[in-house]
Amino acid sequence: MVAAVTADSIVAVVRTRRPGVEEALAGLPRTRCGRFVVLSDEPVSDGVWVALVDSDAEGDAAVEAGAHDALVWPADKARLGRAVRAAQRAAGLRADLERYRTVFRESPSWQEVLDTDIVLLDVSEGFEEATGRDRDAAVGNTPRSLFRGGTHSPAFYDGIVSAVATTGRWRGDMLGRRSDGSLGVLDSQIGKVELWDVPIGQYAIKREAGETRAGGLQTWVDERAGCPWMVLPVDGAVLEASSHIHQVLGVPRQVVLGRDLSALGLRVDVPALDASVVTDRWIGGRAWEVDVARRLVGDLDVLHVVFTDITTRKAEAERLDALAHALAAARDQALAADRSKSAFLAAMSHELRTPLNAILGYTELLLEDAQGSDVVDLERIATSGRHLLGLVDEVLDLARVEAGVVECRLEPVDVGALLQQVVEGMAIRAREAGKRLVVRGDGCRVIADPERLRQIVANLVTNALRYADPGTVTVGCVDGTVFVEDEGPGIDAEHQRAIFEPFRRFHDDDQGMGLGLALCQRLARVLGTEVGVVSEAGKGSRFTLRLPVADAR
């Protein structure tokens, strides 16, 4: 009986003349032996033969005739099952091998299969695309002969072979030439292939280094693809250069390749390994930023030199430097003029104070003997003189502060007593103005110069008396913060910063020169602090001075 033969059903071929063998084989478990086909004399499934014979002599004859195994029926029934399963596995392995071969061949990545002599047995389509070499040109050659471009030493490749033999795998960077002569930087993984613990070959998977490893040399190149660049060994000739290199050196890429930097009239600073150094150089009439990175690629110590044109930026920087020098000169002139102004004001204040003191002295002498309307006139002269003397004192004090000649003696100060003295000294002025002075707070002790603190508080109170409406001015100290509050018209946010500038007045009826608050702020800075203000239009103002609290002891 001859059964139909199909590729997916045949696992073994049995040749025999014994009647009833087919029926006996059909009784074997299908899960173990699958389906059997009895033929007369044709090999099936790539020459898989299993012969079932009646005697050892017939078995020897069957093997000589080409059978892979000879089984004596029925004593070798179990061995027949094993042979059939072996044939089944062999058929499955051939199918798997064909599937893997198809996947490998059509892979878009760079893959190689090599024998134990490191000769290429097969390559993927990705290999052909990346290298520019087709399969027929690659198979039968070694990678060293195909890709070595005079870069790595034979010892480097021998080291890879030794590492694969010892650990089973090697991974690292290597340089190689493509079919068009350009230089490639490859992230490579190479491993061995074993069958039953016996090495039968190697595989290699490669890709451009920048595709998988951030910070690799290829990534560095790709990020600067639009700039001129070169790759060369330390103290060696140029291995590769971009097509833009003529912009820097004035010669095409072909002239640059194979020449060292000195022959190109170029010098660069060499950094430490895995470091970089950036310098600015004028080359060929243009300014270039020269970025030199040093990396180890395989066994090759290489420099990657990138040139960035900064001529425009350099010119702009020089223009800004010139402008900065001009501004610095203008600032120095302004400071000199300000110092001259302060010196002039100080000198003039002294010159004005002397005759004013004389006028006030003679006025007081005349008042002792004056009668009638003369008294009124002399009182007006004295009042105007004292007012003018106060303005001169303010100008003098401001000039002295700006000139940096104000002395400051820090010591513990009883703020409560000091505020009380200021209020008592200004009580008459407050009554004449119809205003009320109030002292509040915890009477704290602070570190300050008592004279400068008294002057600041007096100026703040004078300013508050001028604007307070309906007329209550409160002074005090809480936790080291001295404050002066009034019920005046307040100061809008737009003017709060400007009130501390000299000669600034915001009310048409102001009688002063706008120096009081400016002097307070400058004296506060001498004490190491500042005068703050919290104010809202229509709700009065609160001026504060924060000072370090003195030790209670």
Protein backbone atom coordinates (compact mmCIF):
# COMPACT_ATOMS: atom_id res chain seq x y z
CA MET A 1 0.00 0.00 0.00
CA VAL A 2 1.37 3.40 -0.96
CA ALA A 3 0.09 6.49 0.90
CA ALA A 4 0.06 10.07 -0.36
CA VAL A 5 3.20 12.04 0.38
CA THR A 6 3.07 15.71 1.55
CA ALA A 7 5.77 17.87 3.08
CA ASP A 8 3.94 18.46 6.36
CA SER A 9 3.05 14.80 6.98
CA ILE A 10 6.25 12.89 6.32
CA VAL A 11 8.51 12.26 9.30
CA ALA A 12 10.07 8.98 8.25
CA VAL A 13 10.28 6.48 5.40
CA VAL A 14 9.94 2.77 6.09
CA ARG A 15 10.91 0.12 3.50
CA THR A 16 9.83 -3.48 4.11
CA ARG A 17 8.30 -6.56 2.48
CA ARG A 18 6.72 -7.88 5.65
CA PRO A 19 2.90 -8.14 5.44
CA GLY A 20 0.92 -6.08 8.00
CA VAL A 21 3.75 -3.68 8.98
CA GLU A 22 1.80 -0.56 8.05
CA GLU A 23 -1.10 -1.59 10.24
CA ALA A 24 1.25 -2.27 13.15
CA LEU A 25 2.94 1.12 12.80
CA ALA A 26 -0.40 2.86 12.70
CA GLY A 27 -1.01 1.53 16.20
CA LEU A 28 1.87 3.51 17.68
CA PRO A 29 0.83 6.69 19.61
CA ARG A 30 0.46 9.54 17.14
CA THR A 31 1.58 12.09 19.73
CA ARG A 32 4.96 10.37 19.80
CA CYS A 33 5.48 9.21 16.26
CA GLY A 34 3.20 11.26 14.14
CA ARG A 35 2.12 9.83 10.79
CA PHE A 36 4.05 7.12 8.91
CA VAL A 37 4.17 6.58 5.16
CA VAL A 38 5.32 3.30 3.67
CA LEU A 39 7.00 3.60 0.30
CA SER A 40 8.95 1.24 -1.88
CA ASP A 41 12.29 2.93 -2.60
CA GLU A 42 12.04 6.79 -2.76
CA PRO A 43 13.87 9.11 -0.33
CA VAL A 44 11.62 11.76 1.19
CA SER A 45 12.18 15.00 3.13
CA ASP A 46 15.79 15.75 2.12
CA GLY A 47 16.87 12.07 2.22
CA VAL A 48 15.54 11.04 5.62
CA TRP A 49 15.51 7.19 5.53
CA VAL A 50 14.47 4.71 8.18
CA ALA A 51 14.47 1.04 7.04
CA LEU A 52 12.46 -1.66 8.85
CA VAL A 53 13.93 -5.14 8.15
CA ASP A 54 13.44 -8.75 9.31
CA SER A 55 17.05 -9.53 10.22
CA ASP A 56 20.43 -7.99 11.05
CA ALA A 57 21.73 -9.00 7.63
CA GLU A 58 18.94 -7.11 5.93
CA GLY A 59 19.66 -4.18 8.24
CA ASP A 60 23.30 -4.02 7.16
CA ALA A 61 22.20 -4.16 3.54
CA ALA A 62 19.68 -1.32 4.14
CA VAL A 63 22.33 0.99 5.67
CA GLU A 64 24.68 0.28 2.77
CA ALA A 65 21.80 1.13 0.42
CA GLY A 66 21.44 4.59 2.04
CA ALA A 67 19.15 4.18 5.06
CA HIS A 68 20.06 6.35 8.10
CA ASP A 69 18.99 3.58 10.44
CA ALA A 70 17.92 -0.08 10.17
CA LEU A 71 15.30 -1.39 12.59
CA VAL A 72 14.56 -5.10 13.15
CA TRP A 73 10.82 -5.68 13.46
CA PRO A 74 9.25 -6.16 15.95
CA ALA A 75 12.16 -6.21 18.47
CA ASP A 76 13.16 -2.62 17.64
CA LYS A 77 9.69 -1.12 17.96
CA ALA A 78 10.82 1.36 20.69
CA ARG A 79 13.91 2.30 18.73
CA LEU A 80 11.70 2.92 15.71
CA GLY A 81 9.73 5.44 17.73
CA ARG A 82 12.91 7.28 18.76
CA ALA A 83 14.15 7.32 15.17
CA VAL A 84 10.87 8.69 13.93
CA ARG A 85 10.89 11.45 16.61
CA ALA A 86 14.48 12.32 15.67
CA ALA A 87 13.41 12.63 12.06
CA GLN A 88 10.50 14.82 13.17
CA ARG A 89 12.81 17.13 15.12
CA ALA A 90 15.22 17.36 12.21
CA ALA A 91 12.40 18.45 9.93
CA GLY A 92 11.29 21.06 12.48
CA LEU A 93 14.82 22.40 12.87
CA ARG A 94 15.13 22.78 9.12
CA ALA A 95 11.90 24.78 9.06
CA ASP A 96 13.03 26.97 11.99
CA LEU A 97 16.39 27.52 10.35
CA GLU A 98 14.70 28.71 7.19
CA ARG A 99 12.51 31.14 9.16
CA TYR A 100 15.48 32.54 11.09
CA ARG A 101 17.50 32.85 7.91
CA THR A 102 14.69 34.86 6.28
CA VAL A 103 14.35 37.19 9.30
CA PHE A 104 18.13 37.68 9.50
CA ARG A 105 18.48 38.39 5.80
CA GLU A 106 15.67 40.97 5.66
CA SER A 107 16.72 42.78 8.87
CA PRO A 108 17.26 46.56 8.38
CA SER A 109 20.04 46.58 11.00
CA TRP A 110 23.70 45.84 10.30
CA GLN A 111 24.23 42.14 11.10
CA GLU A 112 26.94 39.66 10.21
CA VAL A 113 27.36 35.89 10.62
CA LEU A 114 30.93 34.57 10.60
CA ASP A 115 32.65 31.20 10.95
CA THR A 116 35.34 30.39 13.48
CA ASP A 117 37.99 31.83 11.13
CA ILE A 118 36.15 35.22 11.24
CA VAL A 119 35.10 34.92 7.59
CA LEU A 120 31.67 36.29 6.64
CA LEU A 121 29.10 33.56 5.95
CA ASP A 122 26.09 35.85 5.47
CA VAL A 123 25.05 39.50 5.93
CA SER A 124 21.73 41.32 6.33
CA GLU A 125 20.16 43.84 3.99
CA GLY A 126 20.92 46.46 6.67
CA PHE A 127 24.60 45.60 6.24
CA GLU A 128 24.35 46.27 2.51
CA GLU A 129 22.61 49.61 3.05
CA ALA A 130 25.01 50.84 5.77
CA THR A 131 28.26 49.78 4.09
CA GLY A 132 27.41 50.17 0.41
CA ARG A 133 28.62 46.57 -0.23
CA ASP A 134 26.28 43.86 -1.52
CA ARG A 135 26.04 40.38 -0.11
CA ASP A 136 28.07 38.63 -2.82
CA ALA A 137 30.97 41.08 -2.39
CA ALA A 138 31.00 40.62 1.40
CA VAL A 139 30.62 36.85 1.88
CA GLY A 140 33.97 35.08 1.96
CA ASN A 141 35.87 38.15 3.22
CA THR A 142 36.85 39.17 6.75
CA PRO A 143 35.50 42.39 8.33
CA ARG A 144 39.09 43.51 8.88
CA SER A 145 39.81 43.40 5.16
CA LEU A 146 36.53 45.11 4.27
CA PHE A 147 36.39 47.96 6.78
CA ARG A 148 39.82 48.62 8.21
CA GLY A 149 40.88 52.01 6.91
CA GLY A 150 44.35 52.19 8.41
CA THR A 151 42.87 53.19 11.76
CA HIS A 152 43.02 50.32 14.28
CA SER A 153 46.03 48.11 14.87
CA PRO A 154 46.04 44.32 14.30
CA ALA A 155 46.38 43.95 18.06
CA PHE A 156 43.03 45.72 18.51
CA TYR A 157 41.25 43.12 16.36
CA ASP A 158 43.14 40.29 18.06
CA GLY A 159 41.93 41.71 21.38
CA ILE A 160 38.31 41.48 20.19
CA VAL A 161 38.78 37.83 19.18
CA SER A 162 40.34 37.05 22.56
CA ALA A 163 37.54 38.80 24.47
CA VAL A 164 34.85 36.90 22.55
CA ALA A 165 36.62 33.60 23.16
CA THR A 166 36.97 34.34 26.88
CA THR A 167 33.70 36.06 27.84
CA GLY A 168 31.52 35.24 24.85
CA ARG A 169 30.90 38.90 23.94
CA TRP A 170 32.63 42.22 23.19
CA ARG A 171 31.12 45.70 22.81
CA GLY A 172 32.74 49.01 21.97
CA ASP A 173 33.42 51.69 19.37
CA MET A 174 35.46 51.16 16.23
CA LEU A 175 36.28 53.17 13.13
CA GLY A 176 35.90 51.85 9.61
CA ARG A 177 35.73 52.98 6.00
CA ARG A 178 32.56 52.73 3.95
CA SER A 179 32.66 51.76 0.27
CA ASP A 180 32.69 55.47 -0.67
CA GLY A 181 35.80 56.05 1.48
CA SER A 182 34.07 58.02 4.25
CA LEU A 183 34.80 57.24 7.88
CA GLY A 184 32.20 55.48 10.03
CA VAL A 185 32.07 55.39 13.84
CA LEU A 186 30.41 52.11 14.87
CA ASP A 187 28.91 50.93 18.12
CA SER A 188 29.64 47.21 17.74
CA GLN A 189 28.60 44.07 19.59
CA ILE A 190 30.34 40.81 18.71
CA GLY A 191 29.55 37.40 20.25
CA LYS A 192 30.21 33.73 19.66
CA VAL A 193 27.75 31.09 18.45
CA GLU A 194 27.89 27.65 20.06
CA LEU A 195 26.25 24.29 19.39
CA TRP A 196 26.33 21.81 22.29
CA ASP A 197 28.98 24.01 23.97
CA VAL A 198 31.18 23.87 20.89
CA PRO A 199 31.98 27.19 19.13
CA ILE A 200 30.82 27.12 15.52
CA GLY A 201 31.13 30.81 14.61
CA GLN A 202 30.45 34.43 15.54
CA TYR A 203 27.83 37.10 15.02
CA ALA A 204 28.22 40.90 14.85
CA ILE A 205 25.62 43.66 15.25
CA LYS A 206 26.77 47.17 14.38
CA ARG A 207 25.23 50.62 14.07
CA GLU A 208 26.30 54.24 13.92
CA ALA A 209 27.46 55.03 17.44
CA GLY A 210 25.28 58.11 17.83
CA GLU A 211 22.09 56.09 17.34
CA THR A 212 22.35 54.28 20.65
CA ARG A 213 24.78 56.04 22.98
CA ALA A 214 24.30 59.63 24.09
CA GLY A 215 27.62 61.43 24.19
CA GLY A 216 29.27 59.15 21.62
CA LEU A 217 31.57 60.53 18.97
CA GLN A 218 29.01 60.12 16.19
CA THR A 219 26.46 62.07 18.24
CA TRP A 220 29.04 64.83 18.61
CA VAL A 221 29.54 64.85 14.85
CA ASP A 222 25.81 64.81 14.07
CA GLU A 223 25.04 67.69 16.43
CA ARG A 224 27.55 69.83 14.57
CA ALA A 225 26.84 68.58 11.07
CA GLY A 226 26.41 72.10 9.75
CA CYS A 227 29.81 73.25 11.07
CA PRO A 228 33.24 72.49 9.66
CA TRP A 229 34.91 69.66 11.60
CA MET A 230 37.83 67.22 11.52
CA VAL A 231 38.64 63.88 13.18
CA LEU A 232 42.27 62.96 13.72
CA PRO A 233 44.41 60.92 16.13
CA VAL A 234 46.37 62.81 18.76
CA ASP A 235 49.65 63.76 16.99
CA GLY A 236 48.38 62.12 13.79
CA ALA A 237 47.02 62.94 10.35
CA VAL A 238 43.42 63.89 9.61
CA LEU A 239 41.22 60.79 9.21
CA GLU A 240 38.01 62.55 8.20
CA ALA A 241 36.71 66.08 7.66
CA SER A 242 33.41 67.65 6.70
CA SER A 243 32.76 69.15 3.31
CA HIS A 244 32.62 72.59 5.00
CA ILE A 245 36.27 72.49 6.09
CA HIS A 246 37.29 74.68 3.15
CA GLN A 247 35.47 77.58 4.88
CA VAL A 248 38.13 77.50 7.60
CA LEU A 249 41.31 76.37 5.85
CA GLY A 250 40.62 77.58 2.32
CA VAL A 251 41.33 74.14 0.78
CA PRO A 252 38.91 71.30 -0.11
CA ARG A 253 38.34 68.19 2.02
CA GLN A 254 40.47 65.97 -0.22
CA VAL A 255 43.52 68.15 0.46
CA VAL A 256 42.93 68.08 4.22
CA LEU A 257 42.68 64.26 4.53
CA GLY A 258 45.95 62.56 5.43
CA ARG A 259 47.73 65.78 6.51
CA ASP A 260 48.64 66.78 10.04
CA LEU A 261 47.65 70.11 11.61
CA SER A 262 51.08 71.71 11.29
CA ALA A 263 51.05 71.09 7.54
CA LEU A 264 47.65 72.84 7.44
CA GLY A 265 49.01 75.83 9.39
CA LEU A 266 46.72 75.11 12.33
CA ARG A 267 47.31 74.63 16.05
CA VAL A 268 44.75 73.44 18.62
CA ASP A 269 44.80 72.94 22.37
CA VAL A 270 44.69 69.22 23.27
CA PRO A 271 42.41 68.44 26.25
CA ALA A 272 42.58 65.47 28.63
CA LEU A 273 40.87 62.22 27.63
CA ASP A 274 37.04 62.46 27.70
CA ALA A 275 37.26 66.24 28.09
CA SER A 276 37.02 69.21 25.76
CA VAL A 277 38.51 72.67 25.46
CA VAL A 278 37.08 75.71 23.66
CA THR A 279 39.15 78.65 22.39
CA ASP A 280 38.59 81.58 20.02
CA ARG A 281 40.96 81.92 17.06
CA TRP A 282 41.27 84.23 14.07
CA ILE A 283 41.83 82.02 11.00
CA GLY A 284 41.81 83.32 7.46
CA GLY A 285 40.48 86.74 8.43
CA ARG A 286 37.48 85.36 10.35
CA ALA A 287 36.88 84.58 14.02
CA TRP A 288 36.25 80.91 14.85
CA GLU A 289 35.28 79.17 18.07
CA VAL A 290 37.44 76.02 18.10
CA ASP A 291 35.90 73.21 20.16
CA VAL A 292 38.29 70.25 20.62
CA ALA A 293 36.97 67.01 22.19
CA ARG A 294 39.19 64.03 22.95
CA ARG A 295 37.77 60.49 23.01
CA LEU A 296 38.95 56.90 22.84
CA VAL A 297 37.42 55.02 19.88
CA GLY A 298 38.47 51.40 20.14
CA ASP A 299 42.22 51.60 20.62
CA LEU A 300 42.49 54.97 18.85
CA ASP A 301 42.91 58.21 20.82
CA VAL A 302 41.20 60.77 18.59
CA LEU A 303 40.46 64.49 18.54
CA HIS A 304 37.25 65.87 17.12
CA VAL A 305 37.71 69.53 16.17
CA VAL A 306 34.61 71.63 15.44
CA PHE A 307 34.79 75.18 14.05
CA THR A 308 31.95 77.66 14.63
CA ASP A 309 32.04 81.00 12.83
CA ILE A 310 31.73 83.74 15.47
CA THR A 311 32.92 86.70 13.39
CA THR A 312 29.60 88.54 13.75
CA ARG A 313 29.34 87.70 17.43
CA LYS A 314 32.94 88.79 18.00
CA ALA A 315 32.35 92.10 16.25
CA GLU A 316 29.22 92.66 18.33
CA ALA A 317 31.13 91.80 21.51
CA GLU A 318 33.85 94.29 20.61
CA ARG A 319 31.19 96.93 19.94
CA LEU A 320 29.58 96.21 23.32
CA ASP A 321 33.01 96.35 25.01
CA ALA A 322 33.62 99.75 23.48
CA LEU A 323 30.17 100.88 24.63
CA ALA A 324 30.85 99.52 28.11
CA HIS A 325 34.13 101.47 28.25
CA ALA A 326 32.30 104.60 27.13
CA LEU A 327 29.59 104.06 29.77
CA ALA A 328 32.24 103.43 32.42
CA ALA A 329 33.95 106.68 31.46
CA ALA A 330 30.62 108.52 31.59
CA ARG A 331 29.91 106.95 34.99
CA ASP A 332 33.31 108.02 36.30
CA GLN A 333 32.66 111.55 35.04
CA ALA A 334 29.24 111.55 36.68
CA LEU A 335 30.70 110.30 39.96
CA ALA A 336 33.42 112.92 39.78
CA ALA A 337 30.80 115.60 39.10
CA ASP A 338 28.71 114.29 42.00
CA ARG A 339 31.73 114.43 44.30
CA SER A 340 32.46 117.94 43.09
CA LYS A 341 28.84 118.88 43.75
CA SER A 342 29.00 117.45 47.26
CA ALA A 343 32.27 119.28 47.94
CA PHE A 344 30.77 122.50 46.54
CA LEU A 345 27.61 122.15 48.67
CA ALA A 346 29.66 121.43 51.76
CA ALA A 347 31.88 124.44 51.14
CA MET A 348 28.97 126.73 50.32
CA SER A 349 27.02 125.52 53.36
CA HIS A 350 29.92 126.51 55.61
CA GLU A 351 30.18 129.89 53.87
CA LEU A 352 26.43 130.47 54.27
CA ARG A 353 26.25 129.31 57.88
CA THR A 354 28.79 131.85 59.13
CA PRO A 355 26.89 134.98 57.99
CA LEU A 356 23.55 133.43 58.96
CA ASN A 357 24.75 132.85 62.52
CA ALA A 358 25.90 136.44 62.61
CA ILE A 359 22.51 137.68 61.34
CA LEU A 360 20.65 135.61 63.94
CA GLY A 361 22.98 136.79 66.72
CA TYR A 362 22.55 140.49 65.91
CA THR A 363 18.78 139.97 65.51
CA GLU A 364 18.54 138.53 69.03
CA LEU A 365 20.55 141.49 70.38
CA LEU A 366 18.24 143.96 68.65
CA LEU A 367 15.16 142.16 69.99
CA GLU A 368 16.32 142.84 73.56
CA ASP A 369 15.90 146.60 73.05
CA ALA A 370 13.23 146.66 70.32
CA GLN A 371 9.77 148.06 70.89
CA GLY A 372 6.48 148.23 68.95
CA SER A 373 6.50 147.21 65.31
CA ASP A 374 10.23 146.69 65.35
CA VAL A 375 9.73 143.57 67.47
CA VAL A 376 7.46 142.03 64.85
CA ASP A 377 9.89 142.79 62.07
CA LEU A 378 12.83 141.41 64.00
CA GLU A 379 10.88 138.22 64.89
CA ARG A 380 10.19 137.68 61.18
CA ILE A 381 13.88 138.17 60.42
CA ALA A 382 14.84 135.66 63.14
CA THR A 383 12.24 133.09 61.95
CA SER A 384 13.38 133.34 58.34
CA GLY A 385 17.02 133.13 59.40
CA ARG A 386 16.43 130.00 61.49
CA HIS A 387 14.52 128.43 58.59
CA LEU A 388 17.34 129.23 56.19
CA LEU A 389 19.91 127.92 58.67
CA GLY A 390 17.95 124.64 58.89
CA LEU A 391 18.03 124.29 55.09
CA VAL A 392 21.77 124.96 55.05
CA ASP A 393 22.28 122.32 57.76
CA GLU A 394 20.32 119.78 55.70
CA VAL A 395 22.41 120.51 52.60
CA LEU A 396 25.60 120.26 54.62
CA ASP A 397 24.59 116.97 56.24
CA LEU A 398 23.57 115.46 52.90
CA ALA A 399 26.84 116.54 51.30
CA ARG A 400 28.83 115.05 54.15
CA VAL A 401 26.98 111.72 53.91
CA GLU A 402 27.47 111.50 50.15
CA ALA A 403 31.14 112.39 50.57
CA GLY A 404 31.49 109.51 53.05
CA VAL A 405 32.85 111.64 55.89
CA VAL A 406 30.04 111.02 58.40
CA GLU A 407 31.32 109.25 61.48
CA CYS A 408 29.22 106.48 63.04
CA ARG A 409 29.66 105.22 66.61
CA LEU A 410 27.48 102.19 67.33
CA GLU A 411 26.42 101.55 70.91
CA PRO A 412 23.35 100.39 72.88
CA VAL A 413 20.66 103.10 72.78
CA ASP A 414 17.56 103.42 74.95
CA VAL A 415 15.07 104.17 72.19
CA GLY A 416 12.25 105.09 74.58
CA ALA A 417 14.31 107.84 76.22
CA LEU A 418 15.62 109.06 72.86
CA LEU A 419 12.10 109.31 71.39
CA GLN A 420 10.88 111.15 74.46
CA GLN A 421 13.70 113.71 74.07
CA VAL A 422 12.82 114.26 70.41
CA VAL A 423 9.12 114.72 71.21
CA GLU A 424 9.86 117.16 74.04
CA GLY A 425 12.20 119.15 71.83
CA MET A 426 9.56 119.44 69.10
CA ALA A 427 6.54 119.96 71.37
CA ILE A 428 6.46 123.74 70.87
CA ARG A 429 6.63 123.37 67.08
CA ALA A 430 3.82 120.80 67.21
CA ARG A 431 1.58 123.09 69.32
CA GLU A 432 2.22 126.04 67.02
CA ALA A 433 1.18 123.86 64.08
CA GLY A 434 -1.91 122.60 65.93
CA LYS A 435 -0.63 119.05 65.93
CA ARG A 436 -0.36 116.36 68.62
CA LEU A 437 2.70 114.17 69.29
CA VAL A 438 2.23 110.71 70.90
CA VAL A 439 4.92 108.25 72.08
CA ARG A 440 4.11 104.51 72.13
CA GLY A 441 6.03 101.21 72.24
CA ASP A 442 7.97 98.96 74.57
CA GLY A 443 10.97 101.23 75.13
CA CYS A 444 13.38 98.72 73.54
CA ARG A 445 17.16 99.04 73.37
CA VAL A 446 18.91 98.86 69.99
CA ILE A 447 22.43 99.09 68.58
CA ALA A 448 22.85 102.45 66.78
CA ASP A 449 24.62 105.80 66.74
CA PRO A 450 22.44 107.91 69.09
CA GLU A 451 23.10 111.20 67.28
CA ARG A 452 22.32 109.78 63.83
CA LEU A 453 19.22 107.97 65.15
CA ARG A 454 17.99 111.18 66.82
CA GLN A 455 18.56 113.10 63.57
CA ILE A 456 16.61 110.49 61.53
CA VAL A 457 13.66 110.45 63.95
CA ALA A 458 13.60 114.27 64.15
CA ASN A 459 13.51 114.57 60.35
CA LEU A 460 10.72 111.96 60.11
CA VAL A 461 8.70 113.76 62.80
CA THR A 462 9.23 117.12 61.07
CA ASN A 463 8.01 115.60 57.81
CA ALA A 464 4.96 114.09 59.58
CA LEU A 465 4.07 117.38 61.34
CA ARG A 466 4.12 119.05 57.97
CA TYR A 467 1.55 116.70 56.44
CA ALA A 468 -0.41 115.20 59.40
CA ASP A 469 -4.15 115.90 59.18
CA PRO A 470 -6.15 116.07 61.43
CA GLY A 471 -2.93 116.29 63.37
CA THR A 472 -1.80 113.20 65.32
CA VAL A 473 1.78 111.97 64.88
CA THR A 474 2.79 108.77 66.69
CA VAL A 475 6.39 107.71 67.34
CA GLY A 476 7.54 104.51 69.01
CA CYS A 477 9.61 101.30 68.94
CA VAL A 478 8.46 97.67 68.89
CA ASP A 479 10.93 94.76 68.80
CA GLY A 480 13.75 96.91 67.43
CA THR A 481 11.62 98.67 64.80
CA VAL A 482 11.43 102.45 65.26
CA PHE A 483 8.37 103.95 63.58
CA VAL A 484 6.77 107.33 62.89
CA GLU A 485 3.11 107.39 61.81
CA ASP A 486 0.97 110.28 60.64
CA GLU A 487 -2.62 110.79 59.55
CA GLY A 488 -1.69 112.78 56.51
CA PRO A 489 -2.85 112.45 52.88
CA GLY A 490 -0.61 109.41 52.31
CA ILE A 491 1.69 108.65 49.39
CA ASP A 492 0.59 106.72 46.30
CA ALA A 493 2.62 103.72 45.12
CA GLU A 494 4.01 105.62 42.13
CA HIS A 495 5.83 108.13 44.35
CA GLN A 496 6.90 105.93 47.28
CA ARG A 497 10.36 105.14 45.86
CA ALA A 498 10.97 108.69 44.65
CA ILE A 499 10.37 110.33 48.05
CA PHE A 500 13.88 109.36 49.15
CA GLU A 501 15.53 111.16 46.24
CA PRO A 502 16.96 114.60 47.05
CA PHE A 503 15.20 117.75 45.87
CA ARG A 504 11.96 115.86 45.08
CA ARG A 505 8.74 117.52 46.25
CA PHE A 506 5.23 116.27 45.54
CA HIS A 507 3.10 119.09 46.96
CA ASP A 508 2.92 122.61 45.61
CA ASP A 509 2.82 124.10 49.10
CA ASP A 510 6.01 122.39 50.28
CA GLN A 511 8.26 124.82 52.05
CA GLY A 512 11.36 122.64 52.20
CA MET A 513 13.89 121.62 49.57
CA GLY A 514 13.00 117.94 49.52
CA LEU A 515 16.09 116.91 51.46
CA GLY A 516 14.65 115.58 54.73
CA LEU A 517 13.67 112.07 53.66
CA ALA A 518 16.71 111.74 51.36
CA LEU A 519 18.95 112.58 54.33
CA CYS A 520 17.09 110.06 56.54
CA GLN A 521 17.64 107.27 54.03
CA ARG A 522 21.35 107.99 53.66
CA LEU A 523 21.89 108.23 57.41
CA ALA A 524 20.00 104.92 57.82
CA ARG A 525 22.39 103.27 55.37
CA VAL A 526 25.30 104.57 57.45
CA LEU A 527 23.71 102.62 60.33
CA GLY A 528 23.49 99.52 58.14
CA THR A 529 19.73 99.60 57.51
CA GLU A 530 17.12 101.46 55.45
CA VAL A 531 14.00 103.53 56.00
CA GLY A 532 10.88 101.72 54.87
CA VAL A 533 7.48 103.22 54.12
CA VAL A 534 3.96 101.80 54.11
CA SER A 535 1.38 104.24 52.85
CA GLU A 536 -1.96 104.47 51.10
CA ALA A 537 -3.50 107.55 49.59
CA GLY A 538 -5.90 109.18 52.05
CA LYS A 539 -4.86 106.94 54.97
CA GLY A 540 -1.58 108.41 56.18
CA SER A 541 1.95 106.99 56.18
CA ARG A 542 4.13 104.81 58.42
CA PHE A 543 7.93 105.13 58.21
CA THR A 544 10.01 102.39 59.85
CA LEU A 545 13.65 101.81 60.73
CA ARG A 546 14.70 98.24 61.66
CA LEU A 547 17.72 98.05 64.03
CA PRO A 548 19.45 95.16 65.85
CA VAL A 549 18.18 94.72 69.39
CA ALA A 550 20.80 95.21 72.12
CA ASP A 551 21.53 92.49 74.66
CA ALA A 552 19.19 92.92 77.64
CA ARG A 553 22.19 92.67 79.99
